[in-house]
């Protein structure tokens, strides 16, 4: 049915033979995201692939052996690195351990592949660059070489895609087909972008529970993921209710138990966002965090939502100019009304909640065990 994708390692690279996510620096230096878990589907794996990906595979009639994976990543350290070095949130897909599973230390290897990404949420193609991934198959060179007779290096700096800086959970599918071979790999990638805040840390911990890929481990993962998603959605729903009510002019202190806290709309907004971060003080301190925490991600998405409604023509998602326009509107009384702010908060947090629910539902569907429900 399925088994762990992390069991088999490429000895030369010391990486599991599954797709990884990283960012190349300087052509050969590579900063990897942490792979929380990977599951390989062994029973009728082609049925797991969305139709868009299956159509791509059907265009290559030489493919006889298809491997299908679900891979989950903690992107926090990689995000911190990119923010610290002031780089855009553009990442590389790394297939080298899967392409060269028998590679030994100090060996080199090279191959050309065709690859594509599709059915993405919060992950975007990079069609303007020849090194970028698109929805159709593109050819890329992949190689491993030895530097200074010691260091194993992977390249080249290709297979790039852009990730939304302000979404907690992003997903996409990828396909990689080595040219001249009869095998291919299709993977659903789940990216948890922030794992410092309490509710997102629970998500990351639940994703890691897949473990050895046994039925027991998978069921435990699904149960913990469902609990983590329920806790996160409840917390975000409370934040949404408080902030919407404040911006709409609802008396937060009226009815029921007396309300303890700020009542001015902007003060409520800031207080509720700060409450999301109160658990982020585990000895490292907030000052040591380089990339935005969940509260800041929500804040900037609200700005982006307002900014989109003030721009005309075509512009990319997660665009800095859009965020800045929305930020100006959010704080200017003459630009955005309280009702507009409330609606922006509602739209953003509803989308966050839907992302979380889709994560739980998607994993439950892919990892369904016959005769067992969670």
Protein backbone atom coordinates (compact mmCIF):
# COMPACT_ATOMS: atom_id res chain seq x y z
CA UNK A 1 0.00 0.00 0.00
CA UNK A 2 2.71 2.45 1.05
CA UNK A 3 6.06 2.55 2.76
CA UNK A 4 8.52 5.14 3.99
CA UNK A 5 10.37 6.99 1.28
CA UNK A 6 13.25 7.79 3.62
CA UNK A 7 14.51 4.20 4.05
CA UNK A 8 16.78 4.17 1.02
CA UNK A 9 19.66 6.65 1.03
CA UNK A 10 22.16 7.72 -1.61
CA UNK A 11 25.45 6.95 0.16
CA UNK A 12 27.47 9.51 -1.76
CA UNK A 13 25.11 12.41 -1.00
CA UNK A 14 23.86 11.16 2.39
CA UNK A 15 20.31 12.03 1.38
CA UNK A 16 17.17 9.93 1.14
CA UNK A 17 16.26 8.92 -2.42
CA UNK A 18 13.25 11.25 -2.63
CA UNK A 19 12.80 14.76 -4.03
CA UNK A 20 14.19 17.51 -1.79
CA UNK A 21 13.69 21.27 -1.71
CA UNK A 22 16.68 23.57 -1.46
CA UNK A 23 18.23 26.82 -2.65
CA UNK A 24 21.50 26.98 -4.53
CA UNK A 25 23.94 29.72 -3.52
CA UNK A 26 26.93 30.52 -5.66
CA UNK A 27 26.27 27.76 -8.15
CA UNK A 28 27.10 24.75 -5.95
CA UNK A 29 26.44 25.64 -2.30
CA UNK A 30 23.06 24.21 -1.37
CA UNK A 31 20.80 25.02 1.60
CA UNK A 32 18.25 22.23 2.13
CA UNK A 33 14.81 22.42 3.65
CA UNK A 34 14.12 19.76 6.28
CA UNK A 35 12.18 16.79 4.92
CA UNK A 36 9.74 15.83 7.67
CA UNK A 37 8.46 12.65 6.04
CA UNK A 38 7.99 10.93 2.71
CA UNK A 39 5.65 8.11 1.74
CA UNK A 40 5.94 5.97 -1.37
CA UNK A 41 2.74 4.47 -2.73
CA UNK A 42 3.14 0.86 -3.80
CA UNK A 43 -0.41 -0.14 -4.79
CA UNK A 44 -1.66 1.31 -8.09
CA UNK A 45 0.37 4.52 -7.60
CA UNK A 46 -0.80 6.08 -10.89
CA UNK A 47 -4.28 6.50 -9.39
CA UNK A 48 -2.90 9.07 -6.93
CA UNK A 49 -1.76 11.47 -9.66
CA UNK A 50 -4.09 14.31 -10.75
CA UNK A 51 -5.25 14.15 -14.36
CA UNK A 52 -3.03 17.09 -15.34
CA UNK A 53 0.07 15.14 -14.33
CA UNK A 54 -1.15 11.89 -15.86
CA UNK A 55 -1.59 13.69 -19.20
CA UNK A 56 2.05 14.82 -19.05
CA UNK A 57 3.21 11.26 -18.44
CA UNK A 58 1.15 9.92 -21.33
CA UNK A 59 3.13 12.13 -23.69
CA UNK A 60 6.24 10.05 -22.93
CA UNK A 61 5.44 6.50 -24.00
CA UNK A 62 8.88 5.26 -22.89
CA UNK A 63 7.88 5.51 -19.19
CA UNK A 64 7.21 2.01 -17.84
CA UNK A 65 8.04 2.37 -14.12
CA UNK A 66 6.33 5.11 -12.14
CA UNK A 67 7.08 5.99 -8.51
CA UNK A 68 4.62 8.21 -6.63
CA UNK A 69 5.41 9.96 -3.34
CA UNK A 70 3.91 12.29 -0.78
CA UNK A 71 6.68 14.46 0.71
CA UNK A 72 6.29 16.91 3.61
CA UNK A 73 8.79 19.66 4.40
CA UNK A 74 9.55 22.08 7.23
CA UNK A 75 10.61 25.24 5.37
CA UNK A 76 11.43 27.35 8.44
CA UNK A 77 15.25 27.14 8.34
CA UNK A 78 15.38 27.68 4.58
CA UNK A 79 13.04 30.68 4.86
CA UNK A 80 15.23 32.12 7.61
CA UNK A 81 18.28 31.71 5.37
CA UNK A 82 16.61 33.42 2.41
CA UNK A 83 15.36 36.35 4.49
CA UNK A 84 18.72 36.74 6.22
CA UNK A 85 20.53 36.84 2.87
CA UNK A 86 17.79 39.04 1.34
CA UNK A 87 16.92 36.59 -1.41
CA UNK A 88 13.47 36.06 -2.94
CA UNK A 89 11.51 33.00 -1.85
CA UNK A 90 12.58 30.98 -4.89
CA UNK A 91 13.59 27.36 -4.33
CA UNK A 92 15.06 24.50 -6.35
CA UNK A 93 13.69 20.98 -6.67
CA UNK A 94 16.46 18.47 -5.97
CA UNK A 95 16.10 15.01 -7.55
CA UNK A 96 19.79 13.99 -7.41
CA UNK A 97 19.51 11.27 -4.70
CA UNK A 98 16.66 9.64 -6.64
CA UNK A 99 18.45 10.04 -9.98
CA UNK A 100 21.73 8.57 -8.69
CA UNK A 101 20.72 6.14 -5.90
CA UNK A 102 23.90 4.04 -6.13
CA UNK A 103 26.32 6.98 -6.21
CA UNK A 104 29.31 6.56 -3.90
CA UNK A 105 31.40 9.17 -2.13
CA UNK A 106 33.73 11.04 -4.53
CA UNK A 107 31.89 9.75 -7.58
CA UNK A 108 30.44 12.11 -10.16
CA UNK A 109 27.39 11.68 -12.36
CA UNK A 110 25.34 13.61 -14.90
CA UNK A 111 22.00 13.20 -16.64
CA UNK A 112 19.35 15.25 -18.46
CA UNK A 113 15.76 15.13 -17.26
CA UNK A 114 12.36 16.54 -18.14
CA UNK A 115 10.40 18.08 -15.28
CA UNK A 116 7.24 20.07 -14.59
CA UNK A 117 5.06 21.28 -11.72
CA UNK A 118 1.25 21.39 -11.67
CA UNK A 119 -1.83 21.64 -9.43
CA UNK A 120 -0.12 24.11 -7.12
CA UNK A 121 -1.44 26.21 -4.25
CA UNK A 122 0.88 29.00 -3.13
CA UNK A 123 3.68 27.84 -5.46
CA UNK A 124 4.26 29.55 -8.81
CA UNK A 125 6.04 28.71 -12.04
CA UNK A 126 9.11 30.68 -13.17
CA UNK A 127 8.35 30.78 -16.88
CA UNK A 128 10.47 33.88 -17.57
CA UNK A 129 13.75 32.04 -16.86
CA UNK A 130 15.09 28.97 -18.71
CA UNK A 131 16.04 27.52 -15.32
CA UNK A 132 12.45 27.79 -14.09
CA UNK A 133 9.81 25.10 -13.80
CA UNK A 134 6.55 25.47 -15.72
CA UNK A 135 3.37 23.45 -16.13
CA UNK A 136 4.73 21.74 -19.24
CA UNK A 137 7.77 19.48 -19.41
CA UNK A 138 11.09 21.32 -19.67
CA UNK A 139 14.56 19.82 -20.02
CA UNK A 140 17.22 20.38 -17.35
CA UNK A 141 20.75 19.08 -16.76
CA UNK A 142 21.40 17.48 -13.36
CA UNK A 143 24.85 16.54 -12.14
CA UNK A 144 26.96 15.68 -9.12
CA UNK A 145 30.65 16.46 -8.96
CA UNK A 146 33.50 16.55 -6.41
CA UNK A 147 35.05 19.81 -5.27
CA UNK A 148 38.59 19.88 -3.84
CA UNK A 149 38.57 16.06 -3.82
CA UNK A 150 36.36 16.16 -0.71
CA UNK A 151 33.03 17.96 -1.13
CA UNK A 152 30.11 16.40 -2.99
CA UNK A 153 28.34 19.13 -4.98
CA UNK A 154 24.96 19.08 -6.70
CA UNK A 155 23.88 21.19 -9.63
CA UNK A 156 22.96 22.91 -11.71
CA UNK A 157 20.94 25.84 -10.35
CA UNK A 158 17.77 24.90 -12.21
CA UNK A 159 14.26 23.56 -11.53
CA UNK A 160 13.25 26.76 -9.77
CA UNK A 161 9.81 27.67 -8.50
CA UNK A 162 8.57 30.61 -6.44
CA UNK A 163 6.77 30.15 -3.11
CA UNK A 164 4.25 32.54 -1.56
CA UNK A 165 6.04 34.28 1.32
CA UNK A 166 2.92 34.72 3.41
CA UNK A 167 1.01 31.42 3.23
CA UNK A 168 1.39 28.96 6.07
CA UNK A 169 0.84 25.84 3.93
CA UNK A 170 1.67 25.53 0.22
CA UNK A 171 1.32 22.45 -1.98
CA UNK A 172 2.22 21.40 -5.50
CA UNK A 173 2.84 18.31 -7.64
CA UNK A 174 5.98 17.64 -9.64
CA UNK A 175 7.06 15.14 -12.29
CA UNK A 176 10.63 14.21 -13.21
CA UNK A 177 11.51 11.92 -16.15
CA UNK A 178 15.17 10.99 -16.77
CA UNK A 179 15.86 11.15 -20.50
CA UNK A 180 16.77 7.75 -21.94
CA UNK A 181 15.31 5.82 -19.01
CA UNK A 182 11.99 4.03 -18.52
CA UNK A 183 11.25 5.36 -15.03
CA UNK A 184 9.64 8.53 -13.72
CA UNK A 185 8.73 10.04 -10.35
CA UNK A 186 5.62 12.03 -9.41
CA UNK A 187 5.45 13.76 -6.04
CA UNK A 188 2.96 15.78 -4.08
CA UNK A 189 4.97 18.31 -2.04
CA UNK A 190 3.52 19.83 1.15
CA UNK A 191 5.42 22.87 2.46
CA UNK A 192 4.86 24.07 6.04
CA UNK A 193 6.42 27.51 5.83
CA UNK A 194 6.46 28.54 9.49
CA UNK A 195 6.95 26.22 12.47
CA UNK A 196 7.88 28.57 15.35
CA UNK A 197 4.35 29.61 16.33
CA UNK A 198 2.57 27.10 18.56
CA UNK A 199 -0.24 26.16 16.15
CA UNK A 200 2.10 25.76 13.17
CA UNK A 201 4.65 23.84 15.27
CA UNK A 202 1.90 21.31 16.01
CA UNK A 203 1.31 20.94 12.26
CA UNK A 204 4.98 20.25 11.65
CA UNK A 205 5.11 17.69 14.45
CA UNK A 206 2.03 15.92 13.06
CA UNK A 207 3.58 15.76 9.58
CA UNK A 208 6.70 14.09 10.99
CA UNK A 209 4.58 11.33 12.54
CA UNK A 210 4.41 9.42 9.25
CA UNK A 211 7.64 7.77 10.41
CA UNK A 212 8.34 4.36 8.90
CA UNK A 213 5.26 4.45 6.66
CA UNK A 214 3.52 1.61 8.47
CA UNK A 215 -0.27 1.61 8.70
CA UNK A 216 -0.06 2.37 12.42
CA UNK A 217 2.29 5.32 11.84
CA UNK A 218 0.15 6.69 9.01
CA UNK A 219 -3.03 6.48 11.12
CA UNK A 220 -1.27 8.22 14.00
CA UNK A 221 -0.12 10.96 11.59
CA UNK A 222 -3.66 11.48 10.29
CA UNK A 223 -5.11 11.63 13.80
CA UNK A 224 -2.50 14.14 15.03
CA UNK A 225 -2.81 16.20 11.86
CA UNK A 226 -6.59 16.38 12.26
CA UNK A 227 -6.18 17.51 15.88
CA UNK A 228 -3.53 20.09 14.94
CA UNK A 229 -5.69 21.47 12.12
CA UNK A 230 -8.74 21.69 14.40
CA UNK A 231 -6.72 23.56 17.05
CA UNK A 232 -5.28 25.92 14.45
CA UNK A 233 -8.62 26.66 12.79
CA UNK A 234 -10.28 27.30 16.16
CA UNK A 235 -7.53 29.74 17.10
CA UNK A 236 -7.66 31.56 13.77
CA UNK A 237 -11.46 31.70 13.93
CA UNK A 238 -11.28 33.46 17.31
CA UNK A 239 -8.76 35.93 15.90
CA UNK A 240 -11.00 36.54 12.89
CA UNK A 241 -14.07 37.08 15.05
CA UNK A 242 -12.36 39.55 17.39
CA UNK A 243 -10.78 41.60 14.61
CA UNK A 244 -13.81 41.59 12.32
CA UNK A 245 -16.04 42.66 15.17
CA UNK A 246 -13.70 45.48 16.16
CA UNK A 247 -13.41 46.87 12.64
CA UNK A 248 -17.17 46.58 12.09
CA UNK A 249 -17.84 48.52 15.30
CA UNK A 250 -19.22 45.64 17.38
CA UNK A 251 -19.03 46.21 21.15
CA UNK A 252 -16.57 43.52 22.25
CA UNK A 253 -17.37 44.12 25.89
CA UNK A 254 -21.11 43.63 25.60
CA UNK A 255 -22.98 40.49 26.67
CA UNK A 256 -21.77 37.40 28.53
CA UNK A 257 -18.57 37.49 30.55
CA UNK A 258 -16.84 40.88 30.66
CA UNK A 259 -14.28 41.27 27.88
CA UNK A 260 -10.72 41.83 29.07
CA UNK A 261 -8.55 43.53 26.47
CA UNK A 262 -8.30 46.32 23.94
CA UNK A 263 -11.47 47.59 22.24
CA UNK A 264 -10.15 50.19 19.76
CA UNK A 265 -10.06 48.45 16.34
CA UNK A 266 -6.34 48.93 15.62
CA UNK A 267 -5.43 47.97 19.18
CA UNK A 268 -7.55 44.81 18.95
CA UNK A 269 -5.86 43.91 15.66
CA UNK A 270 -2.35 44.32 17.08
CA UNK A 271 -3.22 42.58 20.35
CA UNK A 272 -4.71 39.54 18.62
CA UNK A 273 -1.70 39.17 16.32
CA UNK A 274 0.69 39.46 19.25
CA UNK A 275 -1.19 36.72 21.10
CA UNK A 276 -0.35 34.33 18.24
CA UNK A 277 3.35 34.88 18.98
CA UNK A 278 3.34 34.60 22.75
CA UNK A 279 4.59 30.99 22.68
CA UNK A 280 7.58 31.95 20.51
CA UNK A 281 10.07 32.45 23.29
CA UNK A 282 11.64 29.06 23.84
CA UNK A 283 15.11 30.29 24.64
CA UNK A 284 15.93 31.59 21.17
CA UNK A 285 13.90 34.75 21.40
CA UNK A 286 11.93 36.53 18.72
CA UNK A 287 14.94 38.68 17.84
CA UNK A 288 16.74 35.61 16.52
CA UNK A 289 14.01 34.88 13.95
CA UNK A 290 14.80 36.17 10.51
CA UNK A 291 11.66 35.34 8.56
CA UNK A 292 8.14 36.55 9.46
CA UNK A 293 6.18 34.64 12.06
CA UNK A 294 2.58 33.59 11.40
CA UNK A 295 1.22 36.87 12.78
CA UNK A 296 3.32 38.89 10.34
CA UNK A 297 2.38 36.56 7.46
CA UNK A 298 -1.32 37.18 8.20
CA UNK A 299 -0.72 40.92 8.53
CA UNK A 300 0.98 41.14 5.13
CA UNK A 301 -1.65 38.99 3.45
CA UNK A 302 -4.33 41.39 4.67
CA UNK A 303 -2.33 44.27 3.18
CA UNK A 304 -2.01 42.33 -0.08
CA UNK A 305 -5.76 41.68 -0.15
CA UNK A 306 -6.47 45.40 0.18
CA UNK A 307 -3.75 46.25 -2.34
CA UNK A 308 -5.15 43.90 -4.99
CA UNK A 309 -8.44 45.79 -4.92
CA UNK A 310 -6.63 49.05 -5.59
CA UNK A 311 -4.64 47.94 -8.62
CA UNK A 312 -5.68 47.47 -12.22
CA UNK A 313 -4.25 45.31 -14.96
CA UNK A 314 -2.12 42.21 -14.55
CA UNK A 315 0.29 41.80 -11.66
CA UNK A 316 1.79 38.71 -10.02
CA UNK A 317 0.52 37.19 -6.77
CA UNK A 318 2.53 37.90 -3.61
CA UNK A 319 3.82 41.15 -5.13
CA UNK A 320 5.65 43.60 -2.86
CA UNK A 321 4.15 46.68 -4.54
CA UNK A 322 0.67 45.27 -3.91
CA UNK A 323 1.52 44.71 -0.23
CA UNK A 324 2.80 48.28 0.15
CA UNK A 325 -0.29 49.79 -1.52
CA UNK A 326 -2.51 47.73 0.79
CA UNK A 327 -0.51 48.74 3.87
CA UNK A 328 -0.99 52.41 3.06
CA UNK A 329 -4.72 51.85 2.60
CA UNK A 330 -5.00 49.88 5.84
CA UNK A 331 -3.62 52.70 7.98
CA UNK A 332 -5.13 55.67 6.13
CA UNK A 333 -8.63 56.44 7.40
CA UNK A 334 -9.53 58.06 4.09
CA UNK A 335 -8.43 55.01 2.06
CA UNK A 336 -10.01 51.97 3.72
CA UNK A 337 -13.14 51.91 5.86
CA UNK A 338 -13.52 49.73 8.94
CA UNK A 339 -15.83 47.47 6.94
CA UNK A 340 -13.22 47.06 4.19
CA UNK A 341 -10.59 46.13 6.77
CA UNK A 342 -12.99 43.63 8.36
CA UNK A 343 -13.71 42.04 4.99
CA UNK A 344 -9.99 41.77 4.17
CA UNK A 345 -9.31 40.08 7.53
CA UNK A 346 -12.21 37.70 6.91
CA UNK A 347 -11.06 36.74 3.41
CA UNK A 348 -7.46 36.14 4.45
CA UNK A 349 -8.21 34.10 7.56
CA UNK A 350 -10.90 32.05 5.79
CA UNK A 351 -8.30 31.22 3.13
CA UNK A 352 -5.80 30.23 5.87
CA UNK A 353 -8.40 27.97 7.43
CA UNK A 354 -9.26 26.43 4.05
CA UNK A 355 -5.55 25.76 3.39
CA UNK A 356 -5.32 23.87 6.67
CA UNK A 357 -8.51 21.91 6.04
CA UNK A 358 -7.34 20.98 2.54
CA UNK A 359 -4.07 19.72 4.03
CA UNK A 360 -5.89 17.38 6.42
CA UNK A 361 -8.41 16.25 3.80
CA UNK A 362 -5.76 15.78 1.10
CA UNK A 363 -3.50 13.66 3.29
CA UNK A 364 -6.45 11.62 4.53
CA UNK A 365 -7.49 10.92 0.94
CA UNK A 366 -3.99 10.00 -0.28
CA UNK A 367 -3.17 7.90 2.78
CA UNK A 368 -6.55 6.18 3.08
CA UNK A 369 -6.36 2.68 4.55
CA UNK A 370 -9.01 0.21 3.38
CA UNK A 371 -11.62 -0.40 6.06
CA UNK A 372 -10.18 2.17 8.50
CA UNK A 373 -11.38 5.71 9.21
CA UNK A 374 -9.79 8.41 11.34
